[in-house]
PDB file of N, CA and C in Angstrom:
ATOM      1  N   MET A   1      37.767 -62.828 -49.333  1.00  0.00           N
ATOM      2  CA  MET A   1      37.486 -63.634 -49.333  1.00  0.00           C
ATOM      3  C   MET A   1      37.944 -64.963 -49.729  1.00  0.00           C
ATOM      4  N   ASN A   2      38.690 -65.677 -49.669  1.00  0.00           N
ATOM      5  CA  ASN A   2      38.829 -67.582 -50.361  1.00  0.00           C
ATOM      6  C   ASN A   2      38.858 -67.438 -52.016  1.00  0.00           C
ATOM      7  N   ILE A   3      38.921 -68.177 -52.339  1.00  0.00           N
ATOM      8  CA  ILE A   3      38.321 -68.997 -54.200  1.00  0.00           C
ATOM      9  C   ILE A   3      37.971 -69.557 -53.904  1.00  0.00           C
ATOM     10  N   ASP A   4      38.149 -70.609 -53.013  1.00  0.00           N
ATOM     11  CA  ASP A   4      36.854 -71.278 -52.663  1.00  0.00           C
ATOM     12  C   ASP A   4      35.035 -71.234 -51.901  1.00  0.00           C
ATOM     13  N   ALA A   5      36.100 -70.379 -50.676  1.00  0.00           N
ATOM     14  CA  ALA A   5      34.127 -69.130 -50.746  1.00  0.00           C
ATOM     15  C   ALA A   5      33.612 -68.749 -51.710  1.00  0.00           C
ATOM     16  N   ALA A   6      34.259 -68.208 -52.788  1.00  0.00           N
ATOM     17  CA  ALA A   6      33.533 -67.108 -54.471  1.00  0.00           C
ATOM     18  C   ALA A   6      32.779 -68.222 -55.035  1.00  0.00           C
ATOM     19  N   ILE A   7      33.413 -70.024 -54.630  1.00  0.00           N
ATOM     20  CA  ILE A   7      33.273 -70.735 -55.576  1.00  0.00           C
ATOM     21  C   ILE A   7      32.141 -71.208 -55.197  1.00  0.00           C
ATOM     22  N   ASP A   8      31.936 -71.674 -53.511  1.00  0.00           N
ATOM     23  CA  ASP A   8      30.791 -72.502 -53.170  1.00  0.00           C
ATOM     24  C   ASP A   8      29.782 -71.345 -52.883  1.00  0.00           C
ATOM     25  N   ASP A   9      29.822 -69.021 -52.922  1.00  0.00           N
ATOM     26  CA  ASP A   9      28.613 -68.626 -53.500  1.00  0.00           C
ATOM     27  C   ASP A   9      27.826 -68.485 -54.327  1.00  0.00           C
ATOM     28  N   ALA A  10      28.946 -69.202 -55.482  1.00  0.00           N
ATOM     29  CA  ALA A  10      28.484 -68.722 -57.448  1.00  0.00           C
ATOM     30  C   ALA A  10      28.234 -69.671 -57.144  1.00  0.00           C
ATOM     31  N   VAL A  11      28.249 -71.294 -56.769  1.00  0.00           N
ATOM     32  CA  VAL A  11      26.814 -72.521 -57.184  1.00  0.00           C
ATOM     33  C   VAL A  11      26.119 -71.931 -56.374  1.00  0.00           C
ATOM     34  N   LEU A  12      26.151 -71.797 -55.121  1.00  0.00           N
ATOM     35  CA  LEU A  12      24.493 -72.065 -54.078  1.00  0.00           C
ATOM     36  C   LEU A  12      23.952 -70.706 -54.956  1.00  0.00           C
ATOM     37  N   ALA A  13      24.648 -69.760 -55.037  1.00  0.00           N
ATOM     38  CA  ALA A  13      23.483 -68.631 -56.301  1.00  0.00           C
ATOM     39  C   ALA A  13      23.605 -69.014 -57.302  1.00  0.00           C
ATOM     40  N   LEU A  14      24.013 -70.471 -58.481  1.00  0.00           N
ATOM     41  CA  LEU A  14      22.997 -71.178 -59.620  1.00  0.00           C
ATOM     42  C   LEU A  14      21.851 -71.686 -59.318  1.00  0.00           C
ATOM     43  N   PHE A  15      22.298 -72.564 -57.980  1.00  0.00           N
ATOM     44  CA  PHE A  15      21.167 -73.038 -57.053  1.00  0.00           C
ATOM     45  C   PHE A  15      19.998 -72.731 -57.365  1.00  0.00           C
ATOM     46  N   CYS A  16      19.820 -71.629 -57.278  1.00  0.00           N
ATOM     47  CA  CYS A  16      18.845 -70.436 -57.500  1.00  0.00           C
ATOM     48  C   CYS A  16      18.366 -71.054 -58.684  1.00  0.00           C
ATOM     49  N   LEU A  17      18.949 -70.700 -59.959  1.00  0.00           N
ATOM     50  CA  LEU A  17      18.835 -70.714 -61.068  1.00  0.00           C
ATOM     51  C   LEU A  17      17.191 -72.326 -61.901  1.00  0.00           C
ATOM     52  N   THR A  18      18.315 -73.559 -61.074  1.00  0.00           N
ATOM     53  CA  THR A  18      17.595 -74.584 -60.800  1.00  0.00           C
ATOM     54  C   THR A  18      16.535 -75.195 -60.459  1.00  0.00           C
ATOM     55  N   LEU A  19      16.275 -74.601 -59.169  1.00  0.00           N
ATOM     56  CA  LEU A  19      15.122 -75.130 -58.814  1.00  0.00           C
ATOM     57  C   LEU A  19      13.746 -75.970 -58.951  1.00  0.00           C
ATOM     58  N   MET A  20      13.792 -76.857 -58.505  1.00  0.00           N
ATOM     59  CA  MET A  20      12.272 -76.825 -59.483  1.00  0.00           C
ATOM     60  C   MET A  20      11.818 -77.982 -57.291  1.00  0.00           C
ATOM     61  N   THR A  21      10.661 -77.789 -57.673  1.00  0.00           N
ATOM     62  CA  THR A  21       8.809 -77.727 -56.791  1.00  0.00           C
ATOM     63  C   THR A  21       9.348 -80.382 -56.823  1.00  0.00           C
ATOM     64  N   LYS A  22       9.397 -80.978 -56.238  1.00  0.00           N
ATOM     65  CA  LYS A  22       8.270 -81.976 -55.955  1.00  0.00           C
ATOM     66  C   LYS A  22       7.927 -82.308 -54.856  1.00  0.00           C
ATOM     67  N   THR A  23       7.086 -82.805 -54.533  1.00  0.00           N
ATOM     68  CA  THR A  23       6.134 -83.140 -53.322  1.00  0.00           C
ATOM     69  C   THR A  23       6.721 -82.452 -52.367  1.00  0.00           C
ATOM     70  N   GLY A  24       6.797 -81.181 -53.025  1.00  0.00           N
ATOM     71  CA  GLY A  24       6.918 -80.107 -51.098  1.00  0.00           C
ATOM     72  C   GLY A  24       8.535 -79.495 -50.955  1.00  0.00           C
ATOM     73  N   HIS A  25       9.269 -79.929 -51.274  1.00  0.00           N
ATOM     74  CA  HIS A  25      10.780 -80.318 -51.459  1.00  0.00           C
ATOM     75  C   HIS A  25      11.149 -78.953 -52.670  1.00  0.00           C
ATOM     76  N   ARG A  26      12.413 -78.201 -52.079  1.00  0.00           N
ATOM     77  CA  ARG A  26      12.806 -77.288 -53.308  1.00  0.00           C
ATOM     78  C   ARG A  26      13.815 -77.555 -54.347  1.00  0.00           C
ATOM     79  N   LYS A  27      14.273 -78.656 -55.548  1.00  0.00           N
ATOM     80  CA  LYS A  27      15.607 -79.181 -54.845  1.00  0.00           C
ATOM     81  C   LYS A  27      16.191 -78.582 -56.528  1.00  0.00           C
ATOM     82  N   ALA A  28      17.289 -78.414 -56.417  1.00  0.00           N
ATOM     83  CA  ALA A  28      18.741 -78.086 -57.649  1.00  0.00           C
ATOM     84  C   ALA A  28      18.807 -79.111 -58.932  1.00  0.00           C
ATOM     85  N   SER A  29      18.751 -79.528 -59.346  1.00  0.00           N
ATOM     86  CA  SER A  29      18.962 -81.030 -60.298  1.00  0.00           C
ATOM     87  C   SER A  29      20.588 -80.264 -60.634  1.00  0.00           C
ATOM     88  N   ILE A  30      21.241 -80.930 -60.465  1.00  0.00           N
ATOM     89  CA  ILE A  30      22.800 -80.531 -61.166  1.00  0.00           C
ATOM     90  C   ILE A  30      22.921 -81.069 -62.040  1.00  0.00           C
ATOM     91  N   GLY A  31      21.722 -82.763 -62.671  1.00  0.00           N
ATOM     92  CA  GLY A  31      21.663 -83.242 -63.602  1.00  0.00           C
ATOM     93  C   GLY A  31      21.472 -82.478 -64.939  1.00  0.00           C
ATOM     94  N   ASP A  32      20.312 -81.841 -64.664  1.00  0.00           N
ATOM     95  CA  ASP A  32      20.141 -80.739 -65.705  1.00  0.00           C
ATOM     96  C   ASP A  32      21.598 -79.765 -66.565  1.00  0.00           C
ATOM     97  N   VAL A  33      22.058 -78.744 -65.300  1.00  0.00           N
ATOM     98  CA  VAL A  33      23.085 -78.602 -65.755  1.00  0.00           C
ATOM     99  C   VAL A  33      24.201 -79.210 -66.225  1.00  0.00           C
ATOM    100  N   LEU A  34      24.881 -80.829 -65.874  1.00  0.00           N
ATOM    101  CA  LEU A  34      26.051 -81.174 -66.395  1.00  0.00           C
ATOM    102  C   LEU A  34      25.419 -81.726 -68.129  1.00  0.00           C
ATOM    103  N   ASN A  35      23.918 -82.071 -68.025  1.00  0.00           N
ATOM    104  CA  ASN A  35      23.618 -81.899 -69.371  1.00  0.00           C
ATOM    105  C   ASN A  35      24.076 -81.634 -69.936  1.00  0.00           C
ATOM    106  N   ARG A  36      23.447 -79.976 -70.552  1.00  0.00           N
ATOM    107  CA  ARG A  36      23.181 -78.524 -70.483  1.00  0.00           C
ATOM    108  C   ARG A  36      24.965 -78.412 -70.769  1.00  0.00           C
ATOM    109  N   LEU A  37      25.410 -79.120 -69.889  1.00  0.00           N
ATOM    110  CA  LEU A  37      27.064 -78.730 -70.679  1.00  0.00           C
ATOM    111  C   LEU A  37      27.751 -79.207 -71.174  1.00  0.00           C
ATOM    112  N   TYR A  38      27.159 -81.079 -70.695  1.00  0.00           N
ATOM    113  CA  TYR A  38      27.643 -81.751 -71.852  1.00  0.00           C
ATOM    114  C   TYR A  38      27.111 -81.927 -73.357  1.00  0.00           C
ATOM    115  N   GLU A  39      26.038 -81.764 -73.652  1.00  0.00           N
ATOM    116  CA  GLU A  39      25.796 -80.923 -74.311  1.00  0.00           C
ATOM    117  C   GLU A  39      26.460 -79.476 -75.805  1.00  0.00           C
ATOM    118  N   CYS A  40      26.448 -78.988 -75.208  1.00  0.00           N
ATOM    119  CA  CYS A  40      27.051 -77.635 -75.930  1.00  0.00           C
ATOM    120  C   CYS A  40      29.211 -78.379 -75.606  1.00  0.00           C
ATOM    121  N   GLY A  41      29.416 -79.465 -75.477  1.00  0.00           N
ATOM    122  CA  GLY A  41      30.677 -79.739 -75.689  1.00  0.00           C
ATOM    123  C   GLY A  41      31.213 -79.263 -74.192  1.00  0.00           C
ATOM    124  N   MET A  42      30.808 -79.196 -73.414  1.00  0.00           N
ATOM    125  CA  MET A  42      31.898 -78.170 -72.145  1.00  0.00           C
ATOM    126  C   MET A  42      32.026 -79.005 -71.292  1.00  0.00           C
ATOM    127  N   ILE A  43      31.601 -80.885 -71.194  1.00  0.00           N
ATOM    128  CA  ILE A  43      32.380 -81.556 -70.476  1.00  0.00           C
ATOM    129  C   ILE A  43      32.354 -82.861 -70.941  1.00  0.00           C
ATOM    130  N   GLY A  44      32.774 -83.437 -70.498  1.00  0.00           N
ATOM    131  CA  GLY A  44      32.380 -84.816 -70.857  1.00  0.00           C
ATOM    132  C   GLY A  44      31.320 -85.562 -69.852  1.00  0.00           C
ATOM    133  N   ASN A  45      30.800 -87.049 -70.800  1.00  0.00           N
ATOM    134  CA  ASN A  45      29.885 -87.413 -70.861  1.00  0.00           C
ATOM    135  C   ASN A  45      29.779 -87.901 -68.591  1.00  0.00           C
ATOM    136  N   PRO A  46      29.132 -87.447 -67.865  1.00  0.00           N
ATOM    137  CA  PRO A  46      28.878 -88.010 -66.893  1.00  0.00           C
ATOM    138  C   PRO A  46      28.649 -88.447 -66.185  1.00  0.00           C
ATOM    139  N   LEU A  47      28.797 -89.024 -65.613  1.00  0.00           N
ATOM    140  CA  LEU A  47      28.411 -91.030 -65.024  1.00  0.00           C
ATOM    141  C   LEU A  47      26.602 -90.657 -65.112  1.00  0.00           C
ATOM    142  N   ASN A  48      26.176 -90.485 -63.891  1.00  0.00           N
ATOM    143  CA  ASN A  48      25.582 -90.644 -62.804  1.00  0.00           C
ATOM    144  C   ASN A  48      24.938 -88.861 -63.293  1.00  0.00           C
ATOM    145  N   LYS A  49      23.465 -88.549 -64.474  1.00  0.00           N
ATOM    146  CA  LYS A  49      23.458 -87.294 -64.692  1.00  0.00           C
ATOM    147  C   LYS A  49      21.843 -86.791 -63.436  1.00  0.00           C
ATOM    148  N   THR A  50      21.723 -87.664 -62.915  1.00  0.00           N
ATOM    149  CA  THR A  50      20.050 -87.814 -61.808  1.00  0.00           C
ATOM    150  C   THR A  50      20.851 -87.164 -60.908  1.00  0.00           C
ATOM    151  N   LYS A  51      22.004 -86.400 -60.726  1.00  0.00           N
ATOM    152  CA  LYS A  51      22.185 -86.130 -58.934  1.00  0.00           C
ATOM    153  C   LYS A  51      21.660 -84.471 -58.666  1.00  0.00           C
ATOM    154  N   SER A  52      20.152 -84.393 -57.365  1.00  0.00           N
ATOM    155  CA  SER A  52      20.360 -83.479 -57.218  1.00  0.00           C
ATOM    156  C   SER A  52      20.833 -84.017 -55.466  1.00  0.00           C
ATOM    157  N   VAL A  53      20.305 -81.780 -54.800  1.00  0.00           N
ATOM    158  CA  VAL A  53      20.743 -81.359 -53.715  1.00  0.00           C
ATOM    159  C   VAL A  53      19.356 -80.986 -53.038  1.00  0.00           C
ATOM    160  N   VAL A  54      19.324 -80.854 -52.148  1.00  0.00           N
ATOM    161  CA  VAL A  54      18.154 -80.718 -51.704  1.00  0.00           C
ATOM    162  C   VAL A  54      18.285 -79.344 -51.299  1.00  0.00           C
ATOM    163  N   LEU A  55      17.409 -77.904 -50.941  1.00  0.00           N
ATOM    164  CA  LEU A  55      18.346 -77.049 -49.835  1.00  0.00           C
ATOM    165  C   LEU A  55      17.086 -76.709 -48.726  1.00  0.00           C
ATOM    166  N   THR A  56      18.267 -76.862 -48.187  1.00  0.00           N
ATOM    167  CA  THR A  56      17.090 -76.697 -46.345  1.00  0.00           C
ATOM    168  C   THR A  56      16.563 -74.276 -47.087  1.00  0.00           C
ATOM    169  N   ASP A  57      15.631 -74.148 -46.404  1.00  0.00           N
ATOM    170  CA  ASP A  57      15.160 -72.910 -45.668  1.00  0.00           C
ATOM    171  C   ASP A  57      16.059 -72.204 -46.164  1.00  0.00           C
ATOM    172  N   GLU A  58      17.217 -71.981 -44.738  1.00  0.00           N
ATOM    173  CA  GLU A  58      18.544 -71.205 -44.707  1.00  0.00           C
ATOM    174  C   GLU A  58      18.288 -71.158 -46.229  1.00  0.00           C
ATOM    175  N   GLY A  59      19.670 -72.483 -47.104  1.00  0.00           N
ATOM    176  CA  GLY A  59      20.357 -72.096 -48.036  1.00  0.00           C
ATOM    177  C   GLY A  59      19.357 -72.110 -49.322  1.00  0.00           C
ATOM    178  N   LEU A  60      17.884 -71.644 -49.130  1.00  0.00           N
ATOM    179  CA  LEU A  60      17.445 -71.248 -50.806  1.00  0.00           C
ATOM    180  C   LEU A  60      17.166 -69.802 -50.017  1.00  0.00           C
ATOM    181  N   ARG A  61      17.264 -69.188 -48.691  1.00  0.00           N
ATOM    182  CA  ARG A  61      17.299 -67.472 -48.854  1.00  0.00           C
ATOM    183  C   ARG A  61      18.993 -67.006 -48.906  1.00  0.00           C
ATOM    184  N   GLU A  62      19.557 -68.087 -49.024  1.00  0.00           N
ATOM    185  CA  GLU A  62      20.712 -67.248 -49.055  1.00  0.00           C
ATOM    186  C   GLU A  62      21.506 -67.519 -50.885  1.00  0.00           C
ATOM    187  N   SER A  63      20.406 -68.879 -51.247  1.00  0.00           N
ATOM    188  CA  SER A  63      20.669 -68.672 -52.360  1.00  0.00           C
ATOM    189  C   SER A  63      20.386 -67.334 -53.808  1.00  0.00           C
ATOM    190  N   GLU A  64      19.342 -66.760 -53.318  1.00  0.00           N
ATOM    191  CA  GLU A  64      18.589 -66.351 -53.600  1.00  0.00           C
ATOM    192  C   GLU A  64      18.820 -64.984 -53.271  1.00  0.00           C
ATOM    193  N   ARG A  65      19.173 -64.910 -52.006  1.00  0.00           N
ATOM    194  CA  ARG A  65      20.419 -63.305 -51.600  1.00  0.00           C
ATOM    195  C   ARG A  65      21.556 -62.879 -52.284  1.00  0.00           C
ATOM    196  N   LEU A  66      22.438 -63.883 -52.731  1.00  0.00           N
ATOM    197  CA  LEU A  66      23.398 -64.690 -53.849  1.00  0.00           C
ATOM    198  C   LEU A  66      22.586 -63.974 -55.224  1.00  0.00           C
ATOM    199  N   ILE A  67      22.293 -65.125 -55.947  1.00  0.00           N
ATOM    200  CA  ILE A  67      21.962 -64.727 -56.971  1.00  0.00           C
ATOM    201  C   ILE A  67      21.654 -63.039 -57.483  1.00  0.00           C
ATOM    202  N   LYS A  68      20.874 -62.373 -56.246  1.00  0.00           N
ATOM    203  CA  LYS A  68      20.707 -61.105 -57.109  1.00  0.00           C
ATOM    204  C   LYS A  68      22.293 -59.775 -56.324  1.00  0.00           C
ATOM    205  N   GLN A  69      22.595 -60.532 -55.218  1.00  0.00           N
ATOM    206  CA  GLN A  69      24.039 -60.066 -55.239  1.00  0.00           C
ATOM    207  C   GLN A  69      25.466 -59.441 -56.396  1.00  0.00           C
ATOM    208  N   HIS A  70      24.803 -61.018 -57.259  1.00  0.00           N
ATOM    209  CA  HIS A  70      25.669 -61.894 -58.037  1.00  0.00           C
ATOM    210  C   HIS A  70      26.061 -61.372 -59.577  1.00  0.00           C
ATOM    211  N   PHE A  71      24.473 -61.753 -59.368  1.00  0.00           N
ATOM    212  CA  PHE A  71      24.254 -61.910 -61.558  1.00  0.00           C
ATOM    213  C   PHE A  71      22.669 -60.618 -61.614  1.00  0.00           C
ATOM    214  N   VAL A  72      22.293 -59.904 -61.042  1.00  0.00           N
ATOM    215  CA  VAL A  72      20.915 -59.285 -60.765  1.00  0.00           C
ATOM    216  C   VAL A  72      21.367 -57.717 -60.877  1.00  0.00           C
ATOM    217  N   ARG A  73      21.210 -56.890 -62.588  1.00  0.00           N
ATOM    218  CA  ARG A  73      21.450 -55.514 -62.378  1.00  0.00           C
ATOM    219  C   ARG A  73      20.776 -54.388 -62.327  1.00  0.00           C
ATOM    220  N   SER A  74      21.076 -53.922 -60.373  1.00  0.00           N
ATOM    221  CA  SER A  74      20.228 -52.742 -60.129  1.00  0.00           C
ATOM    222  C   SER A  74      19.555 -51.909 -61.224  1.00  0.00           C
ATOM    223  N   SER A  75      17.936 -51.999 -61.639  1.00  0.00           N
ATOM    224  CA  SER A  75      17.229 -50.793 -62.277  1.00  0.00           C
ATOM    225  C   SER A  75      17.359 -49.733 -62.083  1.00  0.00           C
ATOM    226  N   SER A  76      18.910 -48.475 -62.172  1.00  0.00           N
ATOM    227  CA  SER A  76      19.251 -47.396 -61.862  1.00  0.00           C
ATOM    228  C   SER A  76      19.403 -46.456 -63.292  1.00  0.00           C
ATOM    229  N   LYS A  77      18.972 -44.927 -62.994  1.00  0.00           N
ATOM    230  CA  LYS A  77      19.250 -44.394 -64.062  1.00  0.00           C
ATOM    231  C   LYS A  77      20.915 -44.337 -64.446  1.00  0.00           C
ATOM    232  N   ASP A  78      21.888 -44.534 -63.847  1.00  0.00           N
ATOM    233  CA  ASP A  78      23.194 -44.824 -64.667  1.00  0.00           C
ATOM    234  C   ASP A  78      23.618 -46.106 -65.318  1.00  0.00           C
ATOM    235  N   ASP A  79      22.622 -47.074 -65.438  1.00  0.00           N
ATOM    236  CA  ASP A  79      23.135 -48.256 -65.939  1.00  0.00           C
ATOM    237  C   ASP A  79      22.915 -48.163 -67.486  1.00  0.00           C
ATOM    238  N   HIS A  80      22.953 -46.660 -68.489  1.00  0.00           N
ATOM    239  CA  HIS A  80      22.928 -46.600 -69.140  1.00  0.00           C
ATOM    240  C   HIS A  80      23.953 -46.069 -70.163  1.00  0.00           C
TER     241      HIS A  80
END
């Protein structure tokens, strides 16, 4: 997997964590993430803090799959 594909997968997975529902749409708020990073001193003041994307059903399923694949630890006895 090349670096661009890996970054795309990571961002899509993280969208799963920022989902909010509004009028039946599943939106991932980029503005919320940018605000938190700005408040922590990690980025400069973002110009437009209200950007968001609407996930398609396929995007939502892939986002959920990727969050489980990359960020959820399996609960097995070997994890100790």
